[in-house]
């Protein structure tokens, strides 16, 4: 059994999660949308650790038709600058290890993120 068997409805799950981010003012302030000609072309959300020393880039994406045009770099730069200005010392993010996430991993490494060899285990119950 693969992980994709467990997350068969990931689109609905992501949509529900994004909707929840607009439910509170605090989360709304950490959710940004990139637009081009009044059309949404990307979004990014970030979190702050309880002690305020680090931030985490959460769910983010750029529409496939607008990828490789600097939209992601602009969004990451914006969020990282907010983190720096807030006094955070570190930023983290996570992504998939499968081939479809190669462009994301390339973008993150281009920004200076360093991958750590971590393993997360899952078990279907």
PDB file of N, CA and C in Angstrom:
ATOM      1  N   UNK A   1       0.837  -1.177   0.000  1.00  0.00           N
ATOM      2  CA  UNK A   1       0.000   0.000   0.000  1.00  0.00           C
ATOM      3  C   UNK A   1       0.883   1.243   0.000  1.00  0.00           C
ATOM      4  N   UNK A   2       0.570   2.198  -0.827  1.00  0.00           N
ATOM      5  CA  UNK A   2       1.358   3.433  -0.886  1.00  0.00           C
ATOM      6  C   UNK A   2       0.649   4.537  -0.113  1.00  0.00           C
ATOM      7  N   UNK A   3       1.407   5.600   0.177  1.00  0.00           N
ATOM      8  CA  UNK A   3       0.820   6.744   0.891  1.00  0.00           C
ATOM      9  C   UNK A   3      -0.315   7.362   0.100  1.00  0.00           C
ATOM     10  N   UNK A   4      -0.217   7.307  -1.230  1.00  0.00           N
ATOM     11  CA  UNK A   4      -1.280   7.908  -2.034  1.00  0.00           C
ATOM     12  C   UNK A   4      -2.606   7.205  -1.797  1.00  0.00           C
ATOM     13  N   UNK A   5      -2.575   5.932  -1.374  1.00  0.00           N
ATOM     14  CA  UNK A   5      -3.806   5.229  -1.036  1.00  0.00           C
ATOM     15  C   UNK A   5      -4.456   5.847   0.191  1.00  0.00           C
ATOM     16  N   UNK A   6      -3.678   6.402   1.082  1.00  0.00           N
ATOM     17  CA  UNK A   6      -4.207   6.994   2.311  1.00  0.00           C
ATOM     18  C   UNK A   6      -4.743   8.390   2.069  1.00  0.00           C
ATOM     19  N   UNK A   7      -4.163   9.081   1.120  1.00  0.00           N
ATOM     20  CA  UNK A   7      -4.518  10.474   0.873  1.00  0.00           C
ATOM     21  C   UNK A   7      -5.229  10.625  -0.465  1.00  0.00           C
ATOM     22  N   UNK A   8      -6.212   9.762  -0.701  1.00  0.00           N
ATOM     23  CA  UNK A   8      -6.888   9.769  -1.994  1.00  0.00           C
ATOM     24  C   UNK A   8      -7.683  11.047  -2.212  1.00  0.00           C
ATOM     25  N   UNK A   9      -8.112  11.687  -1.144  1.00  0.00           N
ATOM     26  CA  UNK A   9      -8.907  12.899  -1.286  1.00  0.00           C
ATOM     27  C   UNK A   9      -8.114  14.119  -0.836  1.00  0.00           C
ATOM     28  N   UNK A  10      -6.843  14.185  -1.246  1.00  0.00           N
ATOM     29  CA  UNK A  10      -5.974  15.271  -0.796  1.00  0.00           C
ATOM     30  C   UNK A  10      -6.453  16.630  -1.283  1.00  0.00           C
ATOM     31  N   UNK A  11      -7.057  16.690  -2.470  1.00  0.00           N
ATOM     32  CA  UNK A  11      -7.528  17.994  -2.964  1.00  0.00           C
ATOM     33  C   UNK A  11      -8.610  18.558  -2.056  1.00  0.00           C
ATOM     34  N   UNK A  12      -9.559  17.734  -1.665  1.00  0.00           N
ATOM     35  CA  UNK A  12     -10.616  18.193  -0.760  1.00  0.00           C
ATOM     36  C   UNK A  12     -10.042  18.553   0.599  1.00  0.00           C
ATOM     37  N   UNK A  13      -9.075  17.769   1.061  1.00  0.00           N
ATOM     38  CA  UNK A  13      -8.435  18.046   2.346  1.00  0.00           C
ATOM     39  C   UNK A  13      -7.713  19.386   2.320  1.00  0.00           C
ATOM     40  N   UNK A  14      -6.961  19.656   1.249  1.00  0.00           N
ATOM     41  CA  UNK A  14      -6.254  20.930   1.119  1.00  0.00           C
ATOM     42  C   UNK A  14      -7.241  22.089   1.015  1.00  0.00           C
ATOM     43  N   UNK A  15      -8.315  21.895   0.261  1.00  0.00           N
ATOM     44  CA  UNK A  15      -9.310  22.952   0.119  1.00  0.00           C
ATOM     45  C   UNK A  15      -9.939  23.280   1.471  1.00  0.00           C
ATOM     46  N   UNK A  16     -10.261  22.254   2.243  1.00  0.00           N
ATOM     47  CA  UNK A  16     -10.843  22.462   3.568  1.00  0.00           C
ATOM     48  C   UNK A  16      -9.853  23.186   4.483  1.00  0.00           C
ATOM     49  N   UNK A  17      -8.584  22.782   4.412  1.00  0.00           N
ATOM     50  CA  UNK A  17      -7.557  23.428   5.226  1.00  0.00           C
ATOM     51  C   UNK A  17      -7.403  24.905   4.847  1.00  0.00           C
ATOM     52  N   UNK A  18      -7.337  25.192   3.558  1.00  0.00           N
ATOM     53  CA  UNK A  18      -7.221  26.588   3.117  1.00  0.00           C
ATOM     54  C   UNK A  18      -8.420  27.411   3.572  1.00  0.00           C
ATOM     55  N   UNK A  19      -9.596  26.836   3.487  1.00  0.00           N
ATOM     56  CA  UNK A  19     -10.795  27.538   3.942  1.00  0.00           C
ATOM     57  C   UNK A  19     -10.687  27.847   5.432  1.00  0.00           C
ATOM     58  N   UNK A  20     -10.148  26.902   6.220  1.00  0.00           N
ATOM     59  CA  UNK A  20     -10.018  27.118   7.667  1.00  0.00           C
ATOM     60  C   UNK A  20      -9.061  28.258   7.984  1.00  0.00           C
ATOM     61  N   UNK A  21      -8.096  28.496   7.101  1.00  0.00           N
ATOM     62  CA  UNK A  21      -7.131  29.573   7.341  1.00  0.00           C
ATOM     63  C   UNK A  21      -7.785  30.951   7.265  1.00  0.00           C
ATOM     64  N   UNK A  22      -8.905  31.037   6.593  1.00  0.00           N
ATOM     65  CA  UNK A  22      -9.574  32.332   6.504  1.00  0.00           C
ATOM     66  C   UNK A  22     -10.618  32.515   7.601  1.00  0.00           C
ATOM     67  N   UNK A  23     -10.694  31.557   8.525  1.00  0.00           N
ATOM     68  CA  UNK A  23     -11.679  31.636   9.602  1.00  0.00           C
ATOM     69  C   UNK A  23     -11.265  32.544  10.761  1.00  0.00           C
ATOM     70  N   UNK A  24      -9.965  32.774  10.942  1.00  0.00           N
ATOM     71  CA  UNK A  24      -9.513  33.630  12.039  1.00  0.00           C
ATOM     72  C   UNK A  24      -8.636  34.742  11.491  1.00  0.00           C
ATOM     73  N   UNK A  25      -8.653  35.871  12.182  1.00  0.00           N
ATOM     74  CA  UNK A  25      -7.846  37.016  11.736  1.00  0.00           C
ATOM     75  C   UNK A  25      -6.353  36.694  11.740  1.00  0.00           C
ATOM     76  N   UNK A  26      -5.898  35.959  12.762  1.00  0.00           N
ATOM     77  CA  UNK A  26      -4.468  35.631  12.863  1.00  0.00           C
ATOM     78  C   UNK A  26      -4.017  34.832  11.653  1.00  0.00           C
ATOM     79  N   UNK A  27      -4.795  33.832  11.287  1.00  0.00           N
ATOM     80  CA  UNK A  27      -4.403  33.007  10.137  1.00  0.00           C
ATOM     81  C   UNK A  27      -4.552  33.779   8.837  1.00  0.00           C
ATOM     82  N   UNK A  28      -5.567  34.610   8.722  1.00  0.00           N
ATOM     83  CA  UNK A  28      -5.738  35.428   7.516  1.00  0.00           C
ATOM     84  C   UNK A  28      -4.507  36.293   7.272  1.00  0.00           C
ATOM     85  N   UNK A  29      -3.919  36.801   8.368  1.00  0.00           N
ATOM     86  CA  UNK A  29      -2.743  37.656   8.246  1.00  0.00           C
ATOM     87  C   UNK A  29      -1.525  36.890   7.753  1.00  0.00           C
ATOM     88  N   UNK A  30      -1.543  35.575   7.845  1.00  0.00           N
ATOM     89  CA  UNK A  30      -0.405  34.755   7.433  1.00  0.00           C
ATOM     90  C   UNK A  30      -0.664  34.024   6.123  1.00  0.00           C
ATOM     91  N   UNK A  31      -1.713  34.384   5.439  1.00  0.00           N
ATOM     92  CA  UNK A  31      -2.062  33.785   4.156  1.00  0.00           C
ATOM     93  C   UNK A  31      -1.994  34.867   3.085  1.00  0.00           C
ATOM     94  N   UNK A  32      -1.169  34.635   2.070  1.00  0.00           N
ATOM     95  CA  UNK A  32      -0.998  35.604   0.999  1.00  0.00           C
ATOM     96  C   UNK A  32      -1.368  34.973  -0.330  1.00  0.00           C
ATOM     97  N   UNK A  33      -1.923  35.797  -1.206  1.00  0.00           N
ATOM     98  CA  UNK A  33      -2.324  35.351  -2.532  1.00  0.00           C
ATOM     99  C   UNK A  33      -1.574  36.190  -3.556  1.00  0.00           C
ATOM    100  N   UNK A  34      -1.012  35.528  -4.551  1.00  0.00           N
ATOM    101  CA  UNK A  34      -0.364  36.234  -5.665  1.00  0.00           C
ATOM    102  C   UNK A  34      -1.370  36.323  -6.802  1.00  0.00           C
ATOM    103  N   UNK A  35      -1.493  37.515  -7.356  1.00  0.00           N
ATOM    104  CA  UNK A  35      -2.436  37.735  -8.448  1.00  0.00           C
ATOM    105  C   UNK A  35      -1.721  38.324  -9.652  1.00  0.00           C
ATOM    106  N   UNK A  36      -2.253  38.002 -10.805  1.00  0.00           N
ATOM    107  CA  UNK A  36      -1.794  38.612 -12.054  1.00  0.00           C
ATOM    108  C   UNK A  36      -3.038  38.973 -12.845  1.00  0.00           C
ATOM    109  N   UNK A  37      -3.199  40.238 -13.150  1.00  0.00           N
ATOM    110  CA  UNK A  37      -4.392  40.726 -13.854  1.00  0.00           C
ATOM    111  C   UNK A  37      -5.672  40.289 -13.153  1.00  0.00           C
ATOM    112  N   UNK A  38      -5.699  40.431 -11.835  1.00  0.00           N
ATOM    113  CA  UNK A  38      -6.847  40.108 -10.990  1.00  0.00           C
ATOM    114  C   UNK A  38      -7.208  38.621 -10.985  1.00  0.00           C
ATOM    115  N   UNK A  39      -6.260  37.761 -11.373  1.00  0.00           N
ATOM    116  CA  UNK A  39      -6.459  36.313 -11.340  1.00  0.00           C
ATOM    117  C   UNK A  39      -5.459  35.719 -10.353  1.00  0.00           C
ATOM    118  N   UNK A  40      -5.939  34.858  -9.460  1.00  0.00           N
ATOM    119  CA  UNK A  40      -5.059  34.218  -8.484  1.00  0.00           C
ATOM    120  C   UNK A  40      -4.133  33.250  -9.223  1.00  0.00           C
ATOM    121  N   UNK A  41      -2.814  33.423  -9.009  1.00  0.00           N
ATOM    122  CA  UNK A  41      -1.833  32.546  -9.650  1.00  0.00           C
ATOM    123  C   UNK A  41      -1.022  31.755  -8.626  1.00  0.00           C
ATOM    124  N   UNK A  42      -1.184  32.083  -7.342  1.00  0.00           N
ATOM    125  CA  UNK A  42      -0.473  31.351  -6.302  1.00  0.00           C
ATOM    126  C   UNK A  42      -0.934  31.775  -4.921  1.00  0.00           C
ATOM    127  N   UNK A  43      -0.531  30.984  -3.926  1.00  0.00           N
ATOM    128  CA  UNK A  43      -0.829  31.322  -2.540  1.00  0.00           C
ATOM    129  C   UNK A  43       0.254  30.728  -1.657  1.00  0.00           C
ATOM    130  N   UNK A  44       0.376  31.302  -0.460  1.00  0.00           N
ATOM    131  CA  UNK A  44       1.355  30.815   0.515  1.00  0.00           C
ATOM    132  C   UNK A  44       0.853  31.143   1.916  1.00  0.00           C
ATOM    133  N   UNK A  45       1.100  30.243   2.831  1.00  0.00           N
ATOM    134  CA  UNK A  45       0.737  30.431   4.226  1.00  0.00           C
ATOM    135  C   UNK A  45       1.968  30.138   5.074  1.00  0.00           C
ATOM    136  N   UNK A  46       2.091  30.829   6.192  1.00  0.00           N
ATOM    137  CA  UNK A  46       3.190  30.510   7.108  1.00  0.00           C
ATOM    138  C   UNK A  46       2.689  30.470   8.538  1.00  0.00           C
ATOM    139  N   UNK A  47       3.453  29.784   9.375  1.00  0.00           N
ATOM    140  CA  UNK A  47       3.135  29.635  10.790  1.00  0.00           C
ATOM    141  C   UNK A  47       4.300  30.163  11.617  1.00  0.00           C
ATOM    142  N   UNK A  48       4.022  30.470  12.873  1.00  0.00           N
ATOM    143  CA  UNK A  48       5.045  30.931  13.798  1.00  0.00           C
ATOM    144  C   UNK A  48       5.086  29.960  14.973  1.00  0.00           C
ATOM    145  N   UNK A  49       6.297  29.561  15.377  1.00  0.00           N
ATOM    146  CA  UNK A  49       6.427  28.662  16.520  1.00  0.00           C
ATOM    147  C   UNK A  49       5.944  29.378  17.775  1.00  0.00           C
ATOM    148  N   UNK A  50       5.504  28.619  18.785  1.00  0.00           N
ATOM    149  CA  UNK A  50       4.994  29.246  20.019  1.00  0.00           C
ATOM    150  C   UNK A  50       5.979  30.220  20.670  1.00  0.00           C
ATOM    151  N   UNK A  51       7.272  29.922  20.601  1.00  0.00           N
ATOM    152  CA  UNK A  51       8.260  30.824  21.216  1.00  0.00           C
ATOM    153  C   UNK A  51       8.640  31.970  20.283  1.00  0.00           C
ATOM    154  N   UNK A  52       8.154  31.952  19.041  1.00  0.00           N
ATOM    155  CA  UNK A  52       8.411  33.038  18.100  1.00  0.00           C
ATOM    156  C   UNK A  52       9.805  33.066  17.512  1.00  0.00           C
ATOM    157  N   UNK A  53      10.599  32.023  17.716  1.00  0.00           N
ATOM    158  CA  UNK A  53      11.972  31.990  17.205  1.00  0.00           C
ATOM    159  C   UNK A  53      12.085  31.433  15.792  1.00  0.00           C
ATOM    160  N   UNK A  54      11.051  30.715  15.341  1.00  0.00           N
ATOM    161  CA  UNK A  54      11.122  30.132  14.006  1.00  0.00           C
ATOM    162  C   UNK A  54       9.761  30.194  13.337  1.00  0.00           C
ATOM    163  N   UNK A  55       9.818  30.113  12.029  1.00  0.00           N
ATOM    164  CA  UNK A  55       8.599  30.105  11.242  1.00  0.00           C
ATOM    165  C   UNK A  55       8.595  28.897  10.333  1.00  0.00           C
ATOM    166  N   UNK A  56       7.432  28.558   9.866  1.00  0.00           N
ATOM    167  CA  UNK A  56       7.292  27.416   8.969  1.00  0.00           C
ATOM    168  C   UNK A  56       6.432  27.826   7.791  1.00  0.00           C
ATOM    169  N   UNK A  57       6.964  27.637   6.598  1.00  0.00           N
ATOM    170  CA  UNK A  57       6.166  27.871   5.400  1.00  0.00           C
ATOM    171  C   UNK A  57       5.257  26.666   5.253  1.00  0.00           C
ATOM    172  N   UNK A  58       3.975  26.932   5.210  1.00  0.00           N
ATOM    173  CA  UNK A  58       2.992  25.870   5.122  1.00  0.00           C
ATOM    174  C   UNK A  58       2.562  25.619   3.693  1.00  0.00           C
ATOM    175  N   UNK A  59       1.307  25.336   3.551  1.00  0.00           N
ATOM    176  CA  UNK A  59       0.747  25.022   2.243  1.00  0.00           C
ATOM    177  C   UNK A  59       0.981  26.195   1.299  1.00  0.00           C
ATOM    178  N   UNK A  60       1.502  25.885   0.120  1.00  0.00           N
ATOM    179  CA  UNK A  60       1.752  26.911  -0.891  1.00  0.00           C
ATOM    180  C   UNK A  60       1.736  26.267  -2.256  1.00  0.00           C
ATOM    181  N   UNK A  61       1.412  27.045  -3.253  1.00  0.00           N
ATOM    182  CA  UNK A  61       1.383  26.518  -4.620  1.00  0.00           C
ATOM    183  C   UNK A  61       1.347  27.672  -5.608  1.00  0.00           C
ATOM    184  N   UNK A  62       1.824  27.373  -6.809  1.00  0.00           N
ATOM    185  CA  UNK A  62       1.720  28.293  -7.939  1.00  0.00           C
ATOM    186  C   UNK A  62       0.992  27.532  -9.037  1.00  0.00           C
ATOM    187  N   UNK A  63       0.020  28.170  -9.658  1.00  0.00           N
ATOM    188  CA  UNK A  63      -0.726  27.536 -10.747  1.00  0.00           C
ATOM    189  C   UNK A  63       0.255  27.085 -11.825  1.00  0.00           C
ATOM    190  N   UNK A  64       0.070  25.868 -12.349  1.00  0.00           N
ATOM    191  CA  UNK A  64       1.015  25.343 -13.346  1.00  0.00           C
ATOM    192  C   UNK A  64       1.287  26.283 -14.522  1.00  0.00           C
ATOM    193  N   UNK A  65       0.299  27.022 -14.963  1.00  0.00           N
ATOM    194  CA  UNK A  65       0.504  27.935 -16.097  1.00  0.00           C
ATOM    195  C   UNK A  65       1.398  29.118 -15.743  1.00  0.00           C
ATOM    196  N   UNK A  66       1.635  29.328 -14.461  1.00  0.00           N
ATOM    197  CA  UNK A  66       2.440  30.473 -14.015  1.00  0.00           C
ATOM    198  C   UNK A  66       3.739  30.053 -13.328  1.00  0.00           C
ATOM    199  N   UNK A  67       4.033  28.772 -13.356  1.00  0.00           N
ATOM    200  CA  UNK A  67       5.267  28.290 -12.753  1.00  0.00           C
ATOM    201  C   UNK A  67       6.464  28.683 -13.610  1.00  0.00           C
ATOM    202  N   UNK A  68       7.628  28.760 -12.951  1.00  0.00           N
ATOM    203  CA  UNK A  68       8.897  29.109 -13.598  1.00  0.00           C
ATOM    204  C   UNK A  68       8.887  30.542 -14.133  1.00  0.00           C
ATOM    205  N   UNK A  69       8.100  31.407 -13.484  1.00  0.00           N
ATOM    206  CA  UNK A  69       8.034  32.826 -13.861  1.00  0.00           C
ATOM    207  C   UNK A  69       8.377  33.733 -12.679  1.00  0.00           C
ATOM    208  N   UNK A  70       8.857  33.128 -11.576  1.00  0.00           N
ATOM    209  CA  UNK A  70       9.259  33.919 -10.424  1.00  0.00           C
ATOM    210  C   UNK A  70       8.179  34.151  -9.384  1.00  0.00           C
ATOM    211  N   UNK A  71       6.989  33.626  -9.597  1.00  0.00           N
ATOM    212  CA  UNK A  71       5.899  33.840  -8.641  1.00  0.00           C
ATOM    213  C   UNK A  71       6.236  33.207  -7.297  1.00  0.00           C
ATOM    214  N   UNK A  72       6.681  31.950  -7.312  1.00  0.00           N
ATOM    215  CA  UNK A  72       7.031  31.270  -6.075  1.00  0.00           C
ATOM    216  C   UNK A  72       8.155  31.973  -5.345  1.00  0.00           C
ATOM    217  N   UNK A  73       9.194  32.354  -6.077  1.00  0.00           N
ATOM    218  CA  UNK A  73      10.332  33.056  -5.481  1.00  0.00           C
ATOM    219  C   UNK A  73       9.872  34.349  -4.807  1.00  0.00           C
ATOM    220  N   UNK A  74       8.967  35.068  -5.470  1.00  0.00           N
ATOM    221  CA  UNK A  74       8.439  36.308  -4.899  1.00  0.00           C
ATOM    222  C   UNK A  74       7.666  36.021  -3.619  1.00  0.00           C
ATOM    223  N   UNK A  75       6.817  34.984  -3.634  1.00  0.00           N
ATOM    224  CA  UNK A  75       6.019  34.664  -2.447  1.00  0.00           C
ATOM    225  C   UNK A  75       6.914  34.228  -1.286  1.00  0.00           C
ATOM    226  N   UNK A  76       7.879  33.345  -1.562  1.00  0.00           N
ATOM    227  CA  UNK A  76       8.786  32.883  -0.501  1.00  0.00           C
ATOM    228  C   UNK A  76       9.587  34.054   0.047  1.00  0.00           C
ATOM    229  N   UNK A  77      10.084  34.901  -0.824  1.00  0.00           N
ATOM    230  CA  UNK A  77      10.856  36.059  -0.389  1.00  0.00           C
ATOM    231  C   UNK A  77      10.046  36.970   0.520  1.00  0.00           C
ATOM    232  N   UNK A  78       8.790  37.176   0.172  1.00  0.00           N
ATOM    233  CA  UNK A  78       7.905  38.028   0.968  1.00  0.00           C
ATOM    234  C   UNK A  78       7.730  37.452   2.373  1.00  0.00           C
ATOM    235  N   UNK A  79       7.426  36.166   2.450  1.00  0.00           N
ATOM    236  CA  UNK A  79       7.203  35.524   3.748  1.00  0.00           C
ATOM    237  C   UNK A  79       8.495  35.462   4.558  1.00  0.00           C
ATOM    238  N   UNK A  80       9.604  35.141   3.920  1.00  0.00           N
ATOM    239  CA  UNK A  80      10.883  35.080   4.640  1.00  0.00           C
ATOM    240  C   UNK A  80      11.270  36.452   5.185  1.00  0.00           C
ATOM    241  N   UNK A  81      10.980  37.499   4.452  1.00  0.00           N
ATOM    242  CA  UNK A  81      11.285  38.846   4.935  1.00  0.00           C
ATOM    243  C   UNK A  81      10.411  39.192   6.143  1.00  0.00           C
ATOM    244  N   UNK A  82       9.159  38.797   6.132  1.00  0.00           N
ATOM    245  CA  UNK A  82       8.285  39.017   7.293  1.00  0.00           C
ATOM    246  C   UNK A  82       8.860  38.298   8.504  1.00  0.00           C
ATOM    247  N   UNK A  83       9.308  37.054   8.294  1.00  0.00           N
ATOM    248  CA  UNK A  83       9.891  36.282   9.398  1.00  0.00           C
ATOM    249  C   UNK A  83      11.139  36.974   9.947  1.00  0.00           C
ATOM    250  N   UNK A  84      12.030  37.419   9.055  1.00  0.00           N
ATOM    251  CA  UNK A  84      13.256  38.116   9.467  1.00  0.00           C
ATOM    252  C   UNK A  84      12.922  39.369  10.265  1.00  0.00           C
ATOM    253  N   UNK A  85      12.007  40.161   9.724  1.00  0.00           N
ATOM    254  CA  UNK A  85      11.635  41.425  10.367  1.00  0.00           C
ATOM    255  C   UNK A  85      10.974  41.195  11.727  1.00  0.00           C
ATOM    256  N   UNK A  86      10.368  40.030  11.913  1.00  0.00           N
ATOM    257  CA  UNK A  86       9.728  39.693  13.186  1.00  0.00           C
ATOM    258  C   UNK A  86      10.712  39.126  14.200  1.00  0.00           C
ATOM    259  N   UNK A  87      11.972  38.965  13.787  1.00  0.00           N
ATOM    260  CA  UNK A  87      12.990  38.473  14.701  1.00  0.00           C
ATOM    261  C   UNK A  87      13.152  36.970  14.745  1.00  0.00           C
ATOM    262  N   UNK A  88      12.522  36.275  13.816  1.00  0.00           N
ATOM    263  CA  UNK A  88      12.669  34.820  13.788  1.00  0.00           C
ATOM    264  C   UNK A  88      14.080  34.456  13.346  1.00  0.00           C
ATOM    265  N   UNK A  89      14.600  33.378  13.902  1.00  0.00           N
ATOM    266  CA  UNK A  89      15.975  32.951  13.618  1.00  0.00           C
ATOM    267  C   UNK A  89      16.052  31.880  12.539  1.00  0.00           C
ATOM    268  N   UNK A  90      15.002  31.094  12.370  1.00  0.00           N
ATOM    269  CA  UNK A  90      15.004  29.991  11.415  1.00  0.00           C
ATOM    270  C   UNK A  90      13.673  29.902  10.692  1.00  0.00           C
ATOM    271  N   UNK A  91      13.732  29.353   9.488  1.00  0.00           N
ATOM    272  CA  UNK A  91      12.520  29.049   8.730  1.00  0.00           C
ATOM    273  C   UNK A  91      12.622  27.606   8.266  1.00  0.00           C
ATOM    274  N   UNK A  92      11.508  26.934   8.261  1.00  0.00           N
ATOM    275  CA  UNK A  92      11.490  25.551   7.784  1.00  0.00           C
ATOM    276  C   UNK A  92      10.304  25.347   6.860  1.00  0.00           C
ATOM    277  N   UNK A  93      10.359  24.277   6.113  1.00  0.00           N
ATOM    278  CA  UNK A  93       9.245  23.859   5.272  1.00  0.00           C
ATOM    279  C   UNK A  93       9.420  22.390   4.952  1.00  0.00           C
ATOM    280  N   UNK A  94       8.400  21.795   4.438  1.00  0.00           N
ATOM    281  CA  UNK A  94       8.461  20.394   4.061  1.00  0.00           C
ATOM    282  C   UNK A  94       7.809  20.205   2.704  1.00  0.00           C
ATOM    283  N   UNK A  95       8.194  19.131   2.040  1.00  0.00           N
ATOM    284  CA  UNK A  95       7.605  18.817   0.740  1.00  0.00           C
ATOM    285  C   UNK A  95       7.716  17.327   0.494  1.00  0.00           C
ATOM    286  N   UNK A  96       7.100  16.873  -0.542  1.00  0.00           N
ATOM    287  CA  UNK A  96       7.135  15.453  -0.878  1.00  0.00           C
ATOM    288  C   UNK A  96       8.455  15.040  -1.487  1.00  0.00           C
ATOM    289  N   UNK A  97       8.782  13.765  -1.358  1.00  0.00           N
ATOM    290  CA  UNK A  97      10.010  13.224  -1.925  1.00  0.00           C
ATOM    291  C   UNK A  97       9.799  12.571  -3.274  1.00  0.00           C
ATOM    292  N   UNK A  98       8.585  12.620  -3.780  1.00  0.00           N
ATOM    293  CA  UNK A  98       8.271  11.979  -5.054  1.00  0.00           C
ATOM    294  C   UNK A  98       8.661  12.879  -6.227  1.00  0.00           C
ATOM    295  N   UNK A  99       8.714  12.315  -7.427  1.00  0.00           N
ATOM    296  CA  UNK A  99       9.147  13.095  -8.602  1.00  0.00           C
ATOM    297  C   UNK A  99       8.314  14.348  -8.877  1.00  0.00           C
ATOM    298  N   UNK A 100       7.030  14.346  -8.509  1.00  0.00           N
ATOM    299  CA  UNK A 100       6.214  15.532  -8.799  1.00  0.00           C
ATOM    300  C   UNK A 100       6.627  16.741  -7.967  1.00  0.00           C
ATOM    301  N   UNK A 101       7.392  16.517  -6.888  1.00  0.00           N
ATOM    302  CA  UNK A 101       7.836  17.617  -6.037  1.00  0.00           C
ATOM    303  C   UNK A 101       9.269  18.073  -6.335  1.00  0.00           C
ATOM    304  N   UNK A 102       9.880  17.541  -7.376  1.00  0.00           N
ATOM    305  CA  UNK A 102      11.241  17.954  -7.740  1.00  0.00           C
ATOM    306  C   UNK A 102      11.317  19.467  -7.972  1.00  0.00           C
ATOM    307  N   UNK A 103      10.386  20.075  -8.721  1.00  0.00           N
ATOM    308  CA  UNK A 103      10.472  21.533  -8.911  1.00  0.00           C
ATOM    309  C   UNK A 103      10.403  22.306  -7.595  1.00  0.00           C
ATOM    310  N   UNK A 104       9.574  21.851  -6.673  1.00  0.00           N
ATOM    311  CA  UNK A 104       9.475  22.536  -5.374  1.00  0.00           C
ATOM    312  C   UNK A 104      10.785  22.411  -4.616  1.00  0.00           C
ATOM    313  N   UNK A 105      11.348  21.210  -4.597  1.00  0.00           N
ATOM    314  CA  UNK A 105      12.616  21.024  -3.880  1.00  0.00           C
ATOM    315  C   UNK A 105      13.716  21.888  -4.498  1.00  0.00           C
ATOM    316  N   UNK A 106      13.743  21.972  -5.812  1.00  0.00           N
ATOM    317  CA  UNK A 106      14.731  22.821  -6.493  1.00  0.00           C
ATOM    318  C   UNK A 106      14.559  24.277  -6.078  1.00  0.00           C
ATOM    319  N   UNK A 107      13.308  24.728  -6.034  1.00  0.00           N
ATOM    320  CA  UNK A 107      13.035  26.123  -5.654  1.00  0.00           C
ATOM    321  C   UNK A 107      13.469  26.395  -4.218  1.00  0.00           C
ATOM    322  N   UNK A 108      13.187  25.465  -3.314  1.00  0.00           N
ATOM    323  CA  UNK A 108      13.545  25.656  -1.916  1.00  0.00           C
ATOM    324  C   UNK A 108      15.062  25.694  -1.738  1.00  0.00           C
ATOM    325  N   UNK A 109      15.753  24.805  -2.425  1.00  0.00           N
ATOM    326  CA  UNK A 109      17.215  24.780  -2.310  1.00  0.00           C
ATOM    327  C   UNK A 109      17.825  26.037  -2.927  1.00  0.00           C
ATOM    328  N   UNK A 110      17.212  26.534  -3.996  1.00  0.00           N
ATOM    329  CA  UNK A 110      17.672  27.776  -4.620  1.00  0.00           C
ATOM    330  C   UNK A 110      17.573  28.948  -3.637  1.00  0.00           C
ATOM    331  N   UNK A 111      16.591  28.895  -2.741  1.00  0.00           N
ATOM    332  CA  UNK A 111      16.400  29.938  -1.733  1.00  0.00           C
ATOM    333  C   UNK A 111      17.315  29.761  -0.525  1.00  0.00           C
ATOM    334  N   UNK A 112      18.075  28.659  -0.501  1.00  0.00           N
ATOM    335  CA  UNK A 112      19.008  28.439   0.599  1.00  0.00           C
ATOM    336  C   UNK A 112      18.545  27.450   1.646  1.00  0.00           C
ATOM    337  N   UNK A 113      17.386  26.845   1.442  1.00  0.00           N
ATOM    338  CA  UNK A 113      16.941  25.806   2.374  1.00  0.00           C
ATOM    339  C   UNK A 113      17.815  24.573   2.181  1.00  0.00           C
ATOM    340  N   UNK A 114      18.104  23.895   3.271  1.00  0.00           N
ATOM    341  CA  UNK A 114      18.960  22.711   3.249  1.00  0.00           C
ATOM    342  C   UNK A 114      18.120  21.505   3.671  1.00  0.00           C
ATOM    343  N   UNK A 115      18.071  20.460   2.834  1.00  0.00           N
ATOM    344  CA  UNK A 115      17.286  19.283   3.225  1.00  0.00           C
ATOM    345  C   UNK A 115      17.993  18.478   4.311  1.00  0.00           C
ATOM    346  N   UNK A 116      17.223  17.989   5.260  1.00  0.00           N
ATOM    347  CA  UNK A 116      17.748  17.108   6.301  1.00  0.00           C
ATOM    348  C   UNK A 116      17.190  15.707   6.070  1.00  0.00           C
ATOM    349  N   UNK A 117      17.998  14.691   6.285  1.00  0.00           N
ATOM    350  CA  UNK A 117      17.527  13.320   6.040  1.00  0.00           C
ATOM    351  C   UNK A 117      16.640  12.817   7.179  1.00  0.00           C
ATOM    352  N   UNK A 118      15.380  13.184   7.130  1.00  0.00           N
ATOM    353  CA  UNK A 118      14.418  12.758   8.143  1.00  0.00           C
ATOM    354  C   UNK A 118      13.493  11.705   7.538  1.00  0.00           C
ATOM    355  N   UNK A 119      13.027  10.816   8.358  1.00  0.00           N
ATOM    356  CA  UNK A 119      12.092   9.801   7.901  1.00  0.00           C
ATOM    357  C   UNK A 119      10.868   9.858   8.800  1.00  0.00           C
ATOM    358  N   UNK A 120       9.701   9.890   8.195  1.00  0.00           N
ATOM    359  CA  UNK A 120       8.457   9.828   8.943  1.00  0.00           C
ATOM    360  C   UNK A 120       7.770   8.536   8.554  1.00  0.00           C
ATOM    361  N   UNK A 121       7.362   7.782   9.526  1.00  0.00           N
ATOM    362  CA  UNK A 121       6.671   6.522   9.280  1.00  0.00           C
ATOM    363  C   UNK A 121       5.172   6.697   9.508  1.00  0.00           C
ATOM    364  N   UNK A 122       4.381   6.040   8.699  1.00  0.00           N
ATOM    365  CA  UNK A 122       2.936   6.054   8.842  1.00  0.00           C
ATOM    366  C   UNK A 122       2.438   4.611   8.860  1.00  0.00           C
ATOM    367  N   UNK A 123       1.372   4.404   9.576  1.00  0.00           N
ATOM    368  CA  UNK A 123       0.742   3.092   9.616  1.00  0.00           C
ATOM    369  C   UNK A 123      -0.765   3.291   9.559  1.00  0.00           C
ATOM    370  N   UNK A 124      -1.392   2.633   8.632  1.00  0.00           N
ATOM    371  CA  UNK A 124      -2.839   2.703   8.534  1.00  0.00           C
ATOM    372  C   UNK A 124      -3.442   1.898   9.668  1.00  0.00           C
ATOM    373  N   UNK A 125      -4.392   2.489  10.364  1.00  0.00           N
ATOM    374  CA  UNK A 125      -5.038   1.815  11.498  1.00  0.00           C
ATOM    375  C   UNK A 125      -6.455   1.405  11.152  1.00  0.00           C
TER     376      UNK A 125
END
